[in-house]
Amino acid sequence: MLAVMTLITGIIYPLGMTGIAQVLFPHQANGSLIAENGKVIGSELIGQNFTSPKYFHGRPSAAGNGYDAGASSGSNLGPTSKKLIDRVKADAAKLHAENPDAPVPVDLVTASASGLDPDITPAGAYFQVPRVAKARGLAEAQVRHLVDQHIESRTLGIVGEAHVNVLKLNLALDALKPGKA
């Protein structure tokens, strides 16, 4: 019985599910990879560390050295942790200096549970519009329109929250030319 169950659950079932996934959902089964000019540049499912002012930035990452999929995890720092409070205050101050006329969205100063979240809230994206527009020499309305186009709504209208995939938004931003909406 042990040998039969090992064969069924350890070999036949996983290979069967992998085969079905490859046929029905090949993009997702292969990691939801995004390629540009034939070269894989990232995944829709894992955040990347964008630091240039001309790009939208994702959530802070607590995974290894930042967005390290091999070290996926939260920081395990509790809400009363001095280290966490100091980091959030420093991040909030830096972001407030970047855009003093708007409140800092919480997702731009807090890491996700996995540390690999590829998405930010629409508020997080709109907050960054002035910096990105200035760094690229674009009109804020043009960049705001691009954000509008990349807001993904709740799954089935009820699951999750509206979000913006940072990698997809930055790729669209790279394709945008000044004066072109």
Protein backbone atom coordinates (compact mmCIF):
# COMPACT_ATOMS: atom_id res chain seq x y z
CA MET A 1 0.00 0.00 0.00
CA LEU A 2 2.85 2.39 0.84
CA ALA A 3 4.49 1.83 -2.55
CA VAL A 4 1.20 2.29 -4.42
CA MET A 5 0.30 5.51 -2.56
CA THR A 6 3.84 6.84 -3.04
CA LEU A 7 3.56 6.16 -6.77
CA ILE A 8 0.11 7.78 -7.02
CA THR A 9 0.67 10.83 -4.80
CA GLY A 10 4.38 11.31 -5.39
CA ILE A 11 4.68 10.74 -9.13
CA ILE A 12 1.43 10.23 -11.05
CA TYR A 13 -0.61 13.03 -9.47
CA PRO A 14 2.11 15.75 -9.62
CA LEU A 15 3.01 14.89 -13.22
CA GLY A 16 -0.67 14.83 -14.18
CA MET A 17 -1.36 18.23 -12.60
CA THR A 18 1.76 19.70 -14.20
CA GLY A 19 0.66 18.40 -17.60
CA ILE A 20 -2.88 19.72 -17.21
CA ALA A 21 -1.55 23.12 -16.06
CA GLN A 22 0.81 23.30 -19.05
CA VAL A 23 -2.09 22.64 -21.43
CA LEU A 24 -4.76 24.85 -19.81
CA PHE A 25 -2.68 27.63 -18.21
CA PRO A 26 0.82 27.66 -19.76
CA HIS A 27 1.60 31.30 -18.86
CA GLN A 28 0.74 30.79 -15.19
CA ALA A 29 2.29 27.30 -14.99
CA ASN A 30 5.60 28.72 -16.17
CA GLY A 31 5.73 31.51 -13.57
CA SER A 32 3.78 34.32 -15.28
CA LEU A 33 7.03 35.57 -16.78
CA ILE A 34 7.24 38.87 -18.64
CA ALA A 35 9.65 39.00 -21.57
CA GLU A 36 10.83 41.99 -23.55
CA ASN A 37 12.73 41.54 -26.81
CA GLY A 38 12.92 37.80 -26.14
CA LYS A 39 14.56 38.24 -22.73
CA VAL A 40 12.78 37.48 -19.45
CA ILE A 41 12.80 40.62 -17.31
CA GLY A 42 10.58 39.54 -14.44
CA SER A 43 7.40 37.90 -13.28
CA GLU A 44 3.95 39.36 -12.75
CA LEU A 45 3.97 37.63 -9.37
CA ILE A 46 7.24 38.78 -7.78
CA GLY A 47 8.16 42.38 -7.03
CA GLN A 48 11.40 44.00 -8.09
CA ASN A 49 13.46 46.72 -6.50
CA PHE A 50 13.07 49.88 -8.61
CA THR A 51 15.15 52.70 -7.14
CA SER A 52 15.44 55.26 -9.94
CA PRO A 53 13.19 58.32 -9.56
CA LYS A 54 11.92 57.77 -13.12
CA TYR A 55 10.22 54.51 -12.07
CA PHE A 56 7.34 53.69 -9.77
CA HIS A 57 8.57 51.97 -6.62
CA GLY A 58 6.95 48.94 -5.03
CA ARG A 59 6.39 48.12 -1.40
CA PRO A 60 9.42 47.75 0.86
CA SER A 61 10.65 44.15 0.95
CA ALA A 62 11.66 42.20 4.03
CA ALA A 63 12.85 39.23 1.93
CA GLY A 64 16.61 38.85 2.23
CA ASN A 65 18.35 41.80 0.57
CA GLY A 66 15.03 42.88 -0.89
CA TYR A 67 12.85 40.91 -3.28
CA ASP A 68 14.97 37.78 -2.79
CA ALA A 69 12.59 34.92 -3.69
CA GLY A 70 14.87 32.46 -1.90
CA ALA A 71 14.35 34.35 1.35
CA SER A 72 10.64 35.07 1.06
CA SER A 73 9.19 36.08 4.40
CA GLY A 74 8.07 38.97 6.49
CA SER A 75 10.39 40.68 8.92
CA ASN A 76 8.81 39.13 12.03
CA LEU A 77 9.06 42.53 13.69
CA GLY A 78 6.01 43.31 15.81
CA PRO A 79 4.09 46.59 15.88
CA THR A 80 5.95 47.71 19.01
CA SER A 81 9.41 46.92 17.60
CA LYS A 82 11.65 49.99 17.78
CA LYS A 83 13.53 48.84 14.65
CA LEU A 84 10.28 48.58 12.65
CA ILE A 85 8.95 51.91 13.95
CA ASP A 86 12.23 53.66 13.10
CA ARG A 87 12.28 52.18 9.56
CA VAL A 88 8.66 53.13 8.88
CA LYS A 89 9.19 56.66 10.23
CA ALA A 90 12.32 57.12 8.08
CA ASP A 91 10.56 55.79 4.97
CA ALA A 92 7.52 57.99 5.64
CA ALA A 93 9.70 61.08 6.14
CA LYS A 94 11.56 60.41 2.89
CA LEU A 95 8.31 59.94 0.97
CA HIS A 96 6.71 62.99 2.60
CA ALA A 97 9.68 65.11 1.47
CA GLU A 98 9.17 63.75 -2.06
CA ASN A 99 5.48 64.73 -2.11
CA PRO A 100 4.64 67.03 0.83
CA ASP A 101 1.14 67.85 -0.43
CA ALA A 102 -0.23 64.28 -0.08
CA PRO A 103 -0.55 61.80 2.77
CA VAL A 104 1.85 58.85 2.46
CA PRO A 105 -0.04 55.65 1.57
CA VAL A 106 0.59 52.92 4.13
CA ASP A 107 1.57 50.31 1.52
CA LEU A 108 4.60 52.40 0.53
CA VAL A 109 6.09 52.08 4.03
CA THR A 110 5.01 48.56 5.05
CA ALA A 111 6.27 45.27 3.65
CA SER A 112 3.93 42.49 2.61
CA ALA A 113 3.90 39.14 4.44
CA SER A 114 6.00 37.49 1.73
CA GLY A 115 8.23 40.50 1.08
CA LEU A 116 7.71 39.88 -2.65
CA ASP A 117 4.45 41.70 -3.40
CA PRO A 118 4.51 42.95 -7.02
CA ASP A 119 1.56 45.31 -6.53
CA ILE A 120 0.82 48.62 -4.87
CA THR A 121 -2.49 50.32 -4.22
CA PRO A 122 -3.79 52.91 -6.68
CA ALA A 123 -3.16 55.50 -3.93
CA GLY A 124 0.47 54.36 -3.76
CA ALA A 125 0.83 54.79 -7.52
CA TYR A 126 -0.91 58.20 -7.62
CA PHE A 127 1.33 59.40 -4.77
CA GLN A 128 4.39 58.75 -6.94
CA VAL A 129 3.05 60.47 -10.08
CA PRO A 130 4.69 63.90 -9.43
CA ARG A 131 8.17 62.37 -8.91
CA VAL A 132 7.95 60.09 -11.95
CA ALA A 133 6.52 62.82 -14.19
CA LYS A 134 9.24 65.29 -13.15
CA ALA A 135 12.05 62.73 -13.59
CA ARG A 136 10.84 61.84 -17.09
CA GLY A 137 9.83 65.31 -18.25
CA LEU A 138 6.20 64.24 -18.69
CA ALA A 139 2.99 65.96 -17.73
CA GLU A 140 1.51 64.68 -14.48
CA ALA A 141 -1.83 64.17 -16.24
CA GLN A 142 -0.12 61.90 -18.76
CA VAL A 143 1.44 59.75 -16.04
CA ARG A 144 -1.80 59.74 -14.01
CA HIS A 145 -3.67 58.51 -17.11
CA LEU A 146 -1.16 55.66 -17.44
CA VAL A 147 -1.77 54.70 -13.81
CA ASP A 148 -5.54 54.77 -14.48
CA GLN A 149 -5.03 52.30 -17.33
CA HIS A 150 -3.07 49.88 -15.12
CA ILE A 151 -5.41 49.63 -12.15
CA GLU A 152 -6.57 46.04 -11.85
CA SER A 153 -9.88 45.61 -10.01
CA ARG A 154 -10.86 42.98 -7.48
CA THR A 155 -10.92 39.38 -8.68
CA LEU A 156 -14.52 38.49 -9.58
CA GLY A 157 -15.47 41.90 -8.21
CA ILE A 158 -15.21 40.76 -4.57
CA VAL A 159 -11.82 39.16 -3.82
CA GLY A 160 -8.88 41.35 -2.81
CA GLU A 161 -8.44 45.03 -3.47
CA ALA A 162 -7.78 47.16 -6.53
CA HIS A 163 -4.06 47.16 -7.28
CA VAL A 164 -1.38 48.23 -9.75
CA ASN A 165 1.35 45.84 -10.90
CA VAL A 166 4.55 47.91 -10.61
CA LEU A 167 6.55 46.02 -13.27
CA LYS A 168 3.77 46.28 -15.86
CA LEU A 169 3.28 49.98 -15.09
CA ASN A 170 7.01 50.69 -15.41
CA LEU A 171 7.20 48.82 -18.73
CA ALA A 172 4.28 50.89 -20.04
CA LEU A 173 6.04 54.01 -18.76
CA ASP A 174 9.20 53.07 -20.68
CA ALA A 175 7.08 52.69 -23.84
CA LEU A 176 5.49 56.13 -23.34
CA LYS A 177 6.94 59.05 -25.22
CA PRO A 178 6.70 62.68 -24.06
CA GLY A 179 3.58 64.38 -25.42
CA LYS A 180 1.90 61.03 -26.16
CA ALA A 181 -1.07 60.12 -23.97
